[in-house]
Protein backbone atom coordinates (compact mmCIF):
# COMPACT_ATOMS: atom_id res chain seq x y z
CA MET A 1 -71.03 -75.02 -15.31
CA ASP A 2 -72.31 -72.78 -18.13
CA LYS A 3 -73.80 -69.55 -16.81
CA LYS A 4 -77.05 -70.30 -18.66
CA THR A 5 -77.79 -73.45 -16.69
CA THR A 6 -79.61 -73.83 -13.42
CA ASP A 7 -77.77 -75.73 -10.72
CA HIS A 8 -79.13 -79.28 -10.59
CA ASN A 9 -79.25 -79.01 -6.80
CA GLU A 10 -81.93 -76.31 -7.16
CA TRP A 11 -84.16 -78.54 -9.28
CA ILE A 12 -87.73 -77.94 -8.17
CA ASN A 13 -90.65 -80.35 -8.03
CA GLU A 14 -94.43 -80.14 -8.25
CA LYS A 15 -94.80 -79.47 -4.53
CA ASP A 16 -92.65 -76.37 -4.94
CA LEU A 17 -94.96 -75.12 -7.69
CA ILE A 18 -98.01 -75.53 -5.48
CA GLU A 19 -96.24 -73.96 -2.52
CA TYR A 20 -95.52 -70.96 -4.74
CA PHE A 21 -99.25 -70.17 -4.70
CA HIS A 22 -99.49 -70.73 -0.94
CA THR A 23 -96.79 -68.11 -0.39
CA GLY A 24 -99.09 -65.60 -2.09
CA SER A 25 -101.59 -65.82 0.78
CA LYS A 26 -101.74 -62.57 2.76
CA GLU A 27 -103.29 -61.36 5.97
CA ILE A 28 -106.36 -59.25 5.28
CA GLN A 29 -104.69 -56.05 6.48
CA ASN A 30 -102.11 -56.52 3.70
CA TRP A 31 -104.58 -56.97 0.85
CA GLY A 32 -104.20 -54.44 -1.93
CA ILE A 33 -105.78 -53.39 -5.22
CA GLY A 34 -103.73 -53.53 -8.41
CA THR A 35 -105.15 -52.07 -11.62
CA GLU A 36 -103.77 -52.20 -15.15
CA ASN A 37 -104.98 -50.43 -18.28
CA GLU A 38 -103.90 -50.47 -21.92
CA LYS A 39 -104.66 -47.74 -24.45
CA PHE A 40 -103.95 -47.01 -28.10
CA LEU A 41 -102.02 -43.95 -29.23
CA PHE A 42 -102.66 -42.27 -32.58
CA TYR A 43 -101.64 -39.22 -34.59
CA LYS A 44 -104.26 -36.48 -34.47
CA ASP A 45 -103.68 -35.33 -38.04
CA SER A 46 -103.99 -38.73 -39.74
CA PHE A 47 -105.84 -40.97 -37.25
CA GLU A 48 -103.08 -43.53 -37.78
CA PRO A 49 -101.53 -45.56 -34.93
CA ILE A 50 -98.32 -44.29 -33.39
CA ASN A 51 -94.92 -45.63 -34.42
CA TYR A 52 -92.36 -46.86 -31.95
CA PHE A 53 -89.47 -45.33 -33.87
CA GLY A 54 -89.11 -41.90 -35.38
CA PRO A 55 -89.21 -38.23 -34.34
CA ASN A 56 -92.85 -38.39 -33.21
CA GLY A 57 -92.87 -41.94 -31.92
CA ILE A 58 -93.28 -43.64 -28.58
CA GLU A 59 -89.66 -42.97 -27.72
CA GLU A 60 -90.44 -39.24 -27.68
CA ILE A 61 -93.31 -39.79 -25.23
CA PHE A 62 -91.00 -41.77 -22.97
CA LYS A 63 -88.34 -39.04 -23.09
CA PHE A 64 -90.90 -36.44 -22.04
CA LEU A 65 -92.16 -38.57 -19.14
CA MET A 66 -88.60 -39.21 -17.96
CA ARG A 67 -87.66 -35.56 -18.20
CA GLU A 68 -90.77 -34.05 -16.64
CA TYR A 69 -92.08 -36.67 -14.20
CA SER A 70 -89.10 -38.68 -12.87
CA TRP A 71 -89.81 -41.90 -14.76
CA GLN A 72 -86.82 -44.19 -15.30
CA PRO A 73 -86.17 -46.23 -18.48
CA VAL A 74 -86.52 -49.99 -18.76
CA TYR A 75 -84.34 -51.46 -21.50
CA ASP A 76 -84.53 -54.54 -23.68
CA LYS A 77 -81.11 -54.61 -25.29
CA ASP A 78 -80.74 -51.06 -26.71
CA TYR A 79 -84.44 -50.21 -26.72
CA VAL A 80 -86.48 -48.42 -24.06
CA ILE A 81 -89.56 -50.62 -23.83
CA GLY A 82 -91.00 -49.31 -20.57
CA LEU A 83 -90.65 -47.00 -17.59
CA ASN A 84 -90.46 -47.42 -13.83
CA HIS A 85 -91.17 -44.59 -11.42
CA LYS A 86 -88.42 -43.94 -8.92
CA ASN A 87 -90.83 -42.82 -6.19
CA GLN A 88 -93.78 -45.13 -6.83
CA ASN A 89 -94.17 -48.88 -7.25
CA CYS A 90 -95.78 -48.67 -10.67
CA ASN A 91 -94.59 -49.03 -14.24
CA ILE A 92 -95.46 -48.17 -17.81
CA SER A 93 -95.00 -50.87 -20.43
CA LEU A 94 -95.77 -51.41 -24.10
CA GLU A 95 -97.91 -54.13 -25.60
CA PRO A 96 -96.75 -55.60 -28.94
CA GLY A 97 -98.56 -53.08 -31.16
CA GLY A 98 -97.56 -50.01 -29.20
CA GLN A 99 -100.49 -50.03 -26.78
CA ILE A 100 -99.32 -48.15 -23.70
CA GLU A 101 -100.09 -49.72 -20.33
CA LEU A 102 -99.94 -48.50 -16.77
CA SER A 103 -99.52 -51.26 -14.22
CA GLY A 104 -100.54 -49.40 -11.12
CA SER A 105 -98.99 -49.76 -7.70
CA LEU A 106 -100.57 -51.89 -5.00
CA CYS A 107 -103.13 -49.49 -3.53
CA ASN A 108 -104.81 -49.77 -0.15
CA ASN A 109 -108.10 -48.40 -1.44
CA LEU A 110 -109.88 -47.20 -4.57
CA HIS A 111 -109.30 -43.55 -3.76
CA GLN A 112 -105.58 -44.18 -4.16
CA THR A 113 -106.24 -46.02 -7.42
CA GLU A 114 -108.27 -43.10 -8.75
CA GLU A 115 -105.56 -40.61 -7.80
CA GLU A 116 -102.83 -42.71 -9.38
CA PHE A 117 -104.64 -43.07 -12.71
CA SER A 118 -105.69 -39.44 -12.70
CA ASN A 119 -102.05 -38.37 -12.35
CA TYR A 120 -100.92 -40.85 -15.00
CA HIS A 121 -103.54 -39.72 -17.50
CA LYS A 122 -102.54 -36.07 -17.02
CA GLN A 123 -98.88 -36.93 -17.54
CA LEU A 124 -99.62 -39.06 -20.60
CA LYS A 125 -101.84 -36.38 -22.15
CA ASN A 126 -99.16 -33.73 -21.62
CA ALA A 127 -96.55 -35.98 -23.23
CA CYS A 128 -98.78 -36.82 -26.20
CA ASP A 129 -99.68 -33.17 -26.82
CA THR A 130 -96.04 -32.31 -27.49
CA ILE A 131 -95.96 -34.50 -30.63
CA GLY A 132 -99.53 -34.29 -31.90
CA VAL A 133 -100.69 -37.62 -30.48
CA ASP A 134 -103.90 -38.53 -28.68
CA VAL A 135 -105.12 -41.48 -26.64
CA LEU A 136 -107.85 -43.96 -27.56
CA GLY A 137 -109.58 -46.04 -24.88
CA LEU A 138 -111.20 -48.96 -26.73
CA GLY A 139 -111.02 -52.73 -26.51
CA PHE A 140 -109.94 -53.17 -30.14
CA THR A 141 -108.64 -51.02 -32.96
CA PRO A 142 -111.64 -49.47 -34.73
CA LYS A 143 -110.19 -49.63 -38.25
CA TRP A 144 -106.47 -50.48 -38.14
CA ASP A 145 -105.28 -53.88 -39.30
CA PHE A 146 -102.48 -55.85 -37.65
CA SER A 147 -100.18 -54.73 -40.46
CA ASP A 148 -100.87 -51.07 -39.61
CA MET A 149 -99.56 -51.40 -36.08
CA THR A 150 -96.00 -50.73 -35.02
CA GLN A 151 -94.00 -53.70 -33.73
CA VAL A 152 -92.49 -52.96 -30.35
CA PRO A 153 -88.89 -54.34 -30.34
CA LYS A 154 -89.24 -56.38 -27.16
CA THR A 155 -87.48 -59.72 -27.40
CA ARG A 156 -90.32 -61.61 -25.74
CA TYR A 157 -92.74 -60.31 -28.39
CA HIS A 158 -90.42 -61.43 -31.19
CA PHE A 159 -90.83 -65.04 -30.10
CA MET A 160 -94.56 -64.68 -29.47
CA ARG A 161 -95.05 -63.33 -33.02
CA LYS A 162 -93.52 -66.52 -34.37
CA TYR A 163 -95.47 -68.80 -32.04
CA MET A 164 -98.97 -67.31 -32.25
CA PRO A 165 -99.75 -68.22 -35.90
CA THR A 166 -99.02 -71.88 -35.13
CA VAL A 167 -101.85 -72.16 -32.57
CA GLY A 168 -104.59 -69.82 -33.80
CA SER A 169 -105.49 -67.53 -36.68
CA LEU A 170 -106.06 -64.35 -34.64
CA GLY A 171 -103.21 -64.35 -32.14
CA LEU A 172 -101.30 -61.56 -33.87
CA TYR A 173 -104.45 -59.43 -33.84
CA MET A 174 -104.89 -60.08 -30.14
CA MET A 175 -101.30 -59.01 -29.50
CA HIS A 176 -101.28 -55.85 -31.60
CA CYS A 177 -104.90 -54.69 -31.90
CA SER A 178 -106.54 -55.30 -28.50
CA ALA A 179 -106.50 -53.41 -25.20
CA THR A 180 -107.90 -54.31 -21.79
CA THR A 181 -108.40 -53.18 -18.23
CA GLN A 182 -107.38 -55.65 -15.55
CA VAL A 183 -107.86 -55.79 -11.77
CA ASN A 184 -105.59 -57.76 -9.43
CA LEU A 185 -106.66 -58.74 -5.92
CA ASP A 186 -105.19 -60.76 -3.08
CA TYR A 187 -106.33 -63.92 -1.33
CA GLY A 188 -105.91 -64.92 2.29
CA SER A 189 -105.68 -68.69 1.98
CA GLU A 190 -106.35 -71.57 -0.39
CA GLN A 191 -109.98 -71.64 0.76
CA ASP A 192 -110.30 -67.90 0.13
CA PHE A 193 -108.75 -68.39 -3.31
CA ASN A 194 -111.31 -71.12 -4.02
CA LYS A 195 -114.25 -68.78 -3.50
CA LYS A 196 -112.74 -65.76 -5.20
CA PHE A 197 -111.54 -67.63 -8.25
CA ARG A 198 -114.88 -69.38 -8.75
CA VAL A 199 -116.79 -66.12 -8.36
CA ALA A 200 -114.45 -64.24 -10.70
CA MET A 201 -114.57 -66.89 -13.43
CA SER A 202 -118.35 -67.25 -13.19
CA LEU A 203 -119.18 -63.55 -13.20
CA GLN A 204 -116.59 -62.55 -15.78
CA PRO A 205 -119.07 -62.52 -18.72
CA LEU A 206 -121.52 -60.29 -16.85
CA VAL A 207 -118.93 -57.88 -15.51
CA SER A 208 -117.22 -57.76 -18.92
CA MET A 209 -120.52 -56.84 -20.54
CA LEU A 210 -120.70 -53.60 -18.57
CA PHE A 211 -117.43 -52.57 -20.24
CA TYR A 212 -118.03 -53.82 -23.80
CA ASN A 213 -116.25 -51.21 -25.88
CA SER A 214 -115.14 -52.70 -29.19
CA PRO A 215 -118.00 -53.14 -31.71
CA PHE A 216 -115.88 -52.22 -34.75
CA ARG A 217 -113.34 -53.82 -37.04
CA TYR A 218 -111.92 -52.30 -40.24
CA GLY A 219 -114.18 -49.29 -39.72
CA LYS A 220 -117.39 -51.30 -39.78
CA LEU A 221 -119.72 -52.85 -37.23
CA THR A 222 -119.04 -56.49 -36.35
CA ASN A 223 -122.53 -57.32 -35.02
CA LEU A 224 -120.80 -58.00 -31.71
CA LEU A 225 -120.47 -55.73 -28.71
CA SER A 226 -116.90 -56.85 -28.00
CA ASN A 227 -114.79 -57.78 -30.98
CA ARG A 228 -111.87 -58.17 -28.58
CA ILE A 229 -113.56 -61.06 -26.79
CA SER A 230 -114.32 -62.73 -30.12
CA VAL A 231 -110.69 -62.48 -31.26
CA TRP A 232 -109.47 -64.18 -28.08
CA LYS A 233 -111.48 -67.27 -29.02
CA ASP A 234 -109.09 -68.02 -31.91
CA THR A 235 -105.81 -67.10 -30.28
CA ASP A 236 -104.46 -70.13 -28.38
CA ASN A 237 -106.92 -72.54 -26.81
CA ASP A 238 -104.19 -74.16 -24.69
CA ARG A 239 -103.77 -71.03 -22.61
CA CYS A 240 -106.86 -68.83 -23.11
CA GLY A 241 -110.52 -68.70 -22.16
CA TYR A 242 -112.47 -70.24 -19.29
CA LEU A 243 -110.98 -73.08 -17.23
CA PRO A 244 -113.23 -76.16 -16.83
CA PHE A 245 -111.68 -77.35 -13.55
CA VAL A 246 -112.74 -74.15 -11.81
CA PHE A 247 -116.33 -75.42 -11.86
CA GLU A 248 -115.46 -78.77 -10.30
CA LYS A 249 -115.59 -79.52 -6.59
CA ASP A 250 -112.63 -78.78 -4.36
CA LEU A 251 -110.87 -76.17 -6.46
CA ASN A 252 -107.37 -75.72 -5.08
CA PHE A 253 -103.86 -74.59 -5.95
CA GLU A 254 -102.89 -78.07 -7.11
CA LYS A 255 -105.55 -78.03 -9.83
CA TYR A 256 -104.35 -74.71 -11.17
CA ALA A 257 -100.75 -75.93 -11.06
CA ASN A 258 -101.76 -79.07 -12.97
CA TYR A 259 -103.43 -76.92 -15.62
CA ALA A 260 -100.30 -74.78 -16.00
CA LEU A 261 -98.05 -77.84 -16.10
CA ASN A 262 -99.89 -79.10 -19.17
CA VAL A 263 -99.58 -75.92 -21.22
CA PRO A 264 -96.67 -75.65 -23.71
CA MET A 265 -93.91 -73.26 -22.72
CA TYR A 266 -93.13 -70.15 -24.74
CA PHE A 267 -89.54 -69.89 -23.60
CA ILE A 268 -86.96 -70.19 -20.83
CA TYR A 269 -85.38 -66.90 -19.74
CA ARG A 270 -81.76 -66.85 -18.57
CA ASN A 271 -79.46 -63.85 -18.09
CA GLY A 272 -81.36 -61.68 -20.55
CA GLU A 273 -81.59 -64.46 -23.15
CA TYR A 274 -84.65 -66.37 -24.36
CA ILE A 275 -84.34 -70.10 -25.04
CA ILE A 276 -87.11 -71.79 -27.03
CA PRO A 277 -88.04 -75.33 -25.87
CA LYS A 278 -90.27 -76.03 -28.91
CA LYS A 279 -93.70 -76.40 -27.31
CA MET A 280 -92.43 -78.53 -24.45
CA LEU A 281 -95.01 -78.85 -21.68
CA PHE A 282 -93.86 -77.42 -18.37
CA LYS A 283 -94.56 -80.89 -16.94
CA GLU A 284 -91.93 -82.35 -19.29
CA TYR A 285 -89.49 -79.60 -18.42
CA LEU A 286 -90.08 -80.26 -14.72
CA GLN A 287 -89.27 -83.94 -15.18
CA ASN A 288 -86.35 -83.79 -17.58
CA GLY A 289 -85.11 -80.24 -17.91
CA PHE A 290 -84.21 -79.06 -21.39
CA ARG A 291 -81.08 -79.47 -23.51
CA ASP A 292 -80.73 -77.03 -26.37
CA GLU A 293 -79.13 -77.59 -29.77
CA GLU A 294 -75.74 -76.57 -28.40
CA GLY A 295 -75.98 -79.22 -25.72
CA ILE A 296 -76.51 -76.75 -22.88
CA GLN A 297 -78.72 -78.22 -20.15
CA TYR A 298 -81.38 -76.13 -18.41
CA TYR A 299 -83.01 -77.16 -15.16
CA PRO A 300 -86.39 -75.80 -13.96
CA SER A 301 -86.51 -73.06 -11.35
CA LEU A 302 -89.25 -71.08 -9.62
CA GLU A 303 -88.29 -68.15 -11.85
CA ASP A 304 -89.14 -70.36 -14.85
CA TRP A 305 -92.49 -71.18 -13.25
CA GLU A 306 -93.20 -67.51 -12.66
CA THR A 307 -92.35 -66.71 -16.28
CA HIS A 308 -94.53 -69.55 -17.54
CA LEU A 309 -97.51 -68.41 -15.46
CA SER A 310 -97.25 -64.98 -17.09
CA THR A 311 -97.69 -66.59 -20.53
CA LEU A 312 -101.08 -68.11 -19.64
CA PHE A 313 -104.07 -65.97 -20.62
CA PRO A 314 -107.28 -67.36 -19.10
CA GLN A 315 -110.13 -64.99 -18.30
CA VAL A 316 -109.03 -65.15 -14.66
CA ARG A 317 -105.38 -65.88 -13.93
CA LEU A 318 -103.53 -66.96 -10.80
CA LYS A 319 -100.08 -65.81 -9.84
CA LYS A 320 -99.48 -64.84 -6.20
CA PHE A 321 -102.72 -62.91 -6.57
CA ILE A 322 -105.85 -63.21 -8.71
CA GLU A 323 -106.13 -61.31 -11.98
CA MET A 324 -109.53 -60.48 -13.51
CA ARG A 325 -108.64 -59.99 -17.16
CA GLY A 326 -111.90 -59.85 -19.11
CA ALA A 327 -112.79 -56.18 -19.68
CA ASP A 328 -112.36 -54.00 -22.76
CA SER A 329 -110.29 -50.89 -22.24
CA GLY A 330 -112.16 -47.65 -21.68
CA ASN A 331 -111.98 -44.16 -20.24
CA HIS A 332 -110.78 -43.09 -16.81
CA ALA A 333 -114.11 -43.61 -15.05
CA SER A 334 -114.50 -47.13 -16.45
CA ILE A 335 -111.09 -48.18 -15.14
CA ILE A 336 -111.93 -47.22 -11.56
CA SER A 337 -115.45 -48.66 -11.86
CA LEU A 338 -114.08 -52.05 -12.84
CA ALA A 339 -111.73 -52.03 -9.86
CA ALA A 340 -114.66 -51.02 -7.64
CA ILE A 341 -116.90 -53.89 -8.77
CA TRP A 342 -114.32 -56.57 -8.04
CA THR A 343 -113.06 -54.96 -4.83
CA GLY A 344 -116.57 -54.70 -3.41
CA MET A 345 -117.32 -58.33 -4.20
CA MET A 346 -114.01 -59.81 -3.10
CA TYR A 347 -112.92 -57.76 -0.09
CA SER A 348 -116.01 -58.12 2.09
CA ASN A 349 -116.76 -61.54 3.58
CA SER A 350 -120.52 -61.06 3.35
CA SER A 351 -120.33 -59.85 -0.26
CA LEU A 352 -118.02 -62.68 -1.27
CA ASP A 353 -120.39 -65.19 0.33
CA ALA A 354 -123.37 -63.63 -1.46
CA SER A 355 -121.50 -63.71 -4.79
CA TYR A 356 -120.53 -67.33 -4.27
CA ASP A 357 -124.11 -68.31 -3.41
CA LEU A 358 -125.24 -66.66 -6.64
CA VAL A 359 -122.92 -68.67 -8.90
CA LYS A 360 -122.23 -71.91 -7.05
CA GLU A 361 -124.60 -73.96 -9.23
CA TRP A 362 -123.35 -72.53 -12.53
CA ASN A 363 -121.19 -74.70 -14.75
CA LEU A 364 -118.82 -74.12 -17.65
CA SER A 365 -121.45 -74.59 -20.35
CA ASP A 366 -123.60 -71.95 -18.61
CA ILE A 367 -120.73 -69.48 -18.66
CA LEU A 368 -119.88 -70.08 -22.32
CA GLU A 369 -123.52 -69.76 -23.34
CA PHE A 370 -123.81 -66.62 -21.26
CA GLU A 371 -120.79 -64.98 -22.86
CA GLY A 372 -121.93 -65.75 -26.40
CA LYS A 373 -125.43 -64.39 -25.89
CA LEU A 374 -124.30 -61.29 -24.03
CA ASN A 375 -121.78 -60.38 -26.72
CA LYS A 376 -124.48 -60.51 -29.37
CA SER A 377 -127.45 -59.07 -27.50
CA GLY A 378 -126.21 -57.27 -24.39
CA PHE A 379 -129.02 -56.32 -22.04
CA ASP A 380 -131.53 -57.99 -24.39
CA ALA A 381 -129.91 -61.42 -24.03
CA LYS A 382 -132.07 -64.30 -22.81
CA PHE A 383 -130.49 -66.87 -20.55
CA GLN A 384 -132.41 -69.57 -18.69
CA LYS A 385 -134.61 -68.05 -15.99
CA PHE A 386 -132.51 -64.91 -15.61
CA ASN A 387 -133.48 -61.37 -16.37
CA ILE A 388 -130.14 -59.82 -17.34
CA ILE A 389 -130.78 -56.39 -15.88
CA ASP A 390 -131.95 -57.91 -12.58
CA LEU A 391 -128.95 -60.22 -12.42
CA ILE A 392 -126.41 -57.48 -13.07
CA SER A 393 -128.22 -55.16 -10.65
CA GLU A 394 -127.86 -57.83 -7.98
CA ILE A 395 -124.14 -58.12 -8.67
CA ILE A 396 -123.67 -54.37 -8.39
CA SER A 397 -125.76 -54.30 -5.21
CA ILE A 398 -123.50 -56.98 -3.70
CA SER A 399 -120.43 -55.00 -4.68
CA LEU A 400 -121.90 -51.78 -3.31
CA SER A 401 -122.59 -53.48 0.01
CA GLY A 402 -118.98 -54.67 0.12
CA LEU A 403 -117.63 -51.19 -0.50
CA ASN A 404 -119.87 -49.81 2.22
CA ASP A 405 -118.55 -52.49 4.57
CA ARG A 406 -115.03 -51.21 3.87
CA ASN A 407 -116.21 -47.69 4.79
CA ILE A 408 -113.10 -45.93 3.47
CA TYR A 409 -113.40 -42.19 2.90
CA ASN A 410 -111.54 -39.78 0.66
CA ASN A 411 -110.75 -36.16 1.50
CA ASN A 412 -114.23 -35.15 0.34
CA LYS A 413 -115.83 -37.51 2.86
CA GLN A 414 -116.99 -39.90 0.13
CA THR A 415 -116.74 -43.68 0.37
CA GLU A 416 -115.52 -45.96 -2.40
CA GLU A 417 -119.10 -46.52 -3.59
CA ILE A 418 -118.84 -43.32 -5.65
CA TYR A 419 -116.87 -45.28 -8.24
CA LEU A 420 -119.89 -47.47 -8.99
CA ARG A 421 -122.02 -44.50 -10.07
CA PRO A 422 -120.99 -44.74 -13.76
CA ILE A 423 -122.19 -48.35 -13.69
CA GLN A 424 -125.55 -47.27 -12.34
CA ASP A 425 -125.87 -44.96 -15.34
CA ILE A 426 -125.25 -47.92 -17.65
CA LEU A 427 -127.92 -49.94 -15.85
CA ASN A 428 -130.43 -47.09 -15.95
CA LYS A 429 -129.97 -46.66 -19.71
CA LYS A 430 -129.53 -50.40 -20.40
CA GLU A 431 -126.73 -49.33 -22.70
CA THR A 432 -123.14 -50.59 -22.69
CA PRO A 433 -120.35 -48.35 -24.01
CA SER A 434 -120.53 -50.34 -27.26
CA ASP A 435 -124.27 -49.70 -27.55
CA ASN A 436 -123.52 -45.99 -27.27
CA LEU A 437 -120.85 -46.19 -29.98
CA ILE A 438 -123.13 -48.15 -32.31
CA LYS A 439 -125.91 -45.61 -31.87
CA ARG A 440 -123.55 -42.75 -32.66
CA PHE A 441 -122.07 -44.58 -35.65
CA ASN A 442 -125.53 -45.14 -37.13
CA THR A 443 -126.75 -41.58 -36.53
CA VAL A 444 -124.63 -38.50 -35.88
CA TRP A 445 -121.40 -40.05 -37.21
CA LEU A 446 -123.06 -41.04 -40.51
CA HIS A 447 -121.06 -44.31 -40.53
CA ASP A 448 -117.74 -42.43 -40.54
CA ILE A 449 -115.49 -44.27 -38.09
CA ASN A 450 -113.02 -41.36 -37.91
CA ASN A 451 -115.42 -39.62 -35.54
CA ILE A 452 -114.41 -42.09 -32.86
CA TYR A 453 -111.00 -40.48 -32.52
CA ASN A 454 -112.57 -37.41 -30.97
CA HIS A 455 -114.87 -39.43 -28.72
CA SER A 456 -113.17 -42.36 -26.97
CA ASN A 457 -110.27 -40.55 -25.33
CA ILE A 458 -109.01 -40.37 -21.75
């Protein structure tokens, strides 16, 4: 049998795919907090995005981190495209346009998350300083075009660059010009998943609004608070956005599996090689396998399923945990605040119940209307009977209660609620990060976008 094939005896079925999600269920004492953040890197002297190659490129930053902080290289063929830490379960990776991302370790509490990102940001800043580079925490490039961005030589991205233009006009911009913060949380059972996933999908527009941080494109205002969110709408409708079935009765793992089964595959990965099944649905692959042009037969495996799930990009995504993916990138405080909001809501039974009661009557059209109005008007948006500031204040109050229920202290005898204080400042001012940027752009910056490079840093 060719080494690229999967043994026919291992051929999986739909029950195996659903069981995959069940195996993600954890006892509450094993729940963790995973946080991921992407940032742009740029040259201080020119305000241009960093290159991957060259004497002052990303490779130099990686070499410094390996030499000074015990990071280990991750290769794709001959290229270092990421780092793993030998003493910590975290990794640094690169997005297609050179955005640098920390995927944090599974932390027991937000104090650990804060410490991990604080250490990472110090290390990254030290590495960048050696080659005249700085860090930009925004949701979208403020003036750079897709063509200005480096192209990270990761094989997976090579295939995505070919695929994206066939399904949407802005996919390449999403890949190379956007940056997010993401929070990953556990579930205890299918019923627990049901509540958490519904709450996360419903509240995503409101939580995202607190982190809007991308009002620019090509150095000008877009009349939106999050250009990143707008770009996602014309990326790939098969695998992006809000999922209608989440708002139906009896949400379960089978419904998510059925959604994923009916999304075209990007690729099959075998022994370091990518095989392209030409937009075959995973459902078709599950039934028939795939025979390539050389006549080599591939049979579906759970590894294929896991790879396929990672190529779906809904606002909230399911793997063996739940990923909240809707926030623009930002500074250090915003990263921890986002993790705090979701942790407080999801990891306290009373707060999860209160969140669910708040959204249980909302439907998909409500969510889509909400997102559109919030992105244009922010705190001034009008939606049905709701007062936006009151609604968001209620969400933060629920989260705060959940964090207080957890009652976890740091060395300074502070609970996790301290990480919600930056959000309270936003509520008091009724001003998102984008509102602040717009105000500066129209006043003290005199419409010169280059001022942003000294403002939106770590």
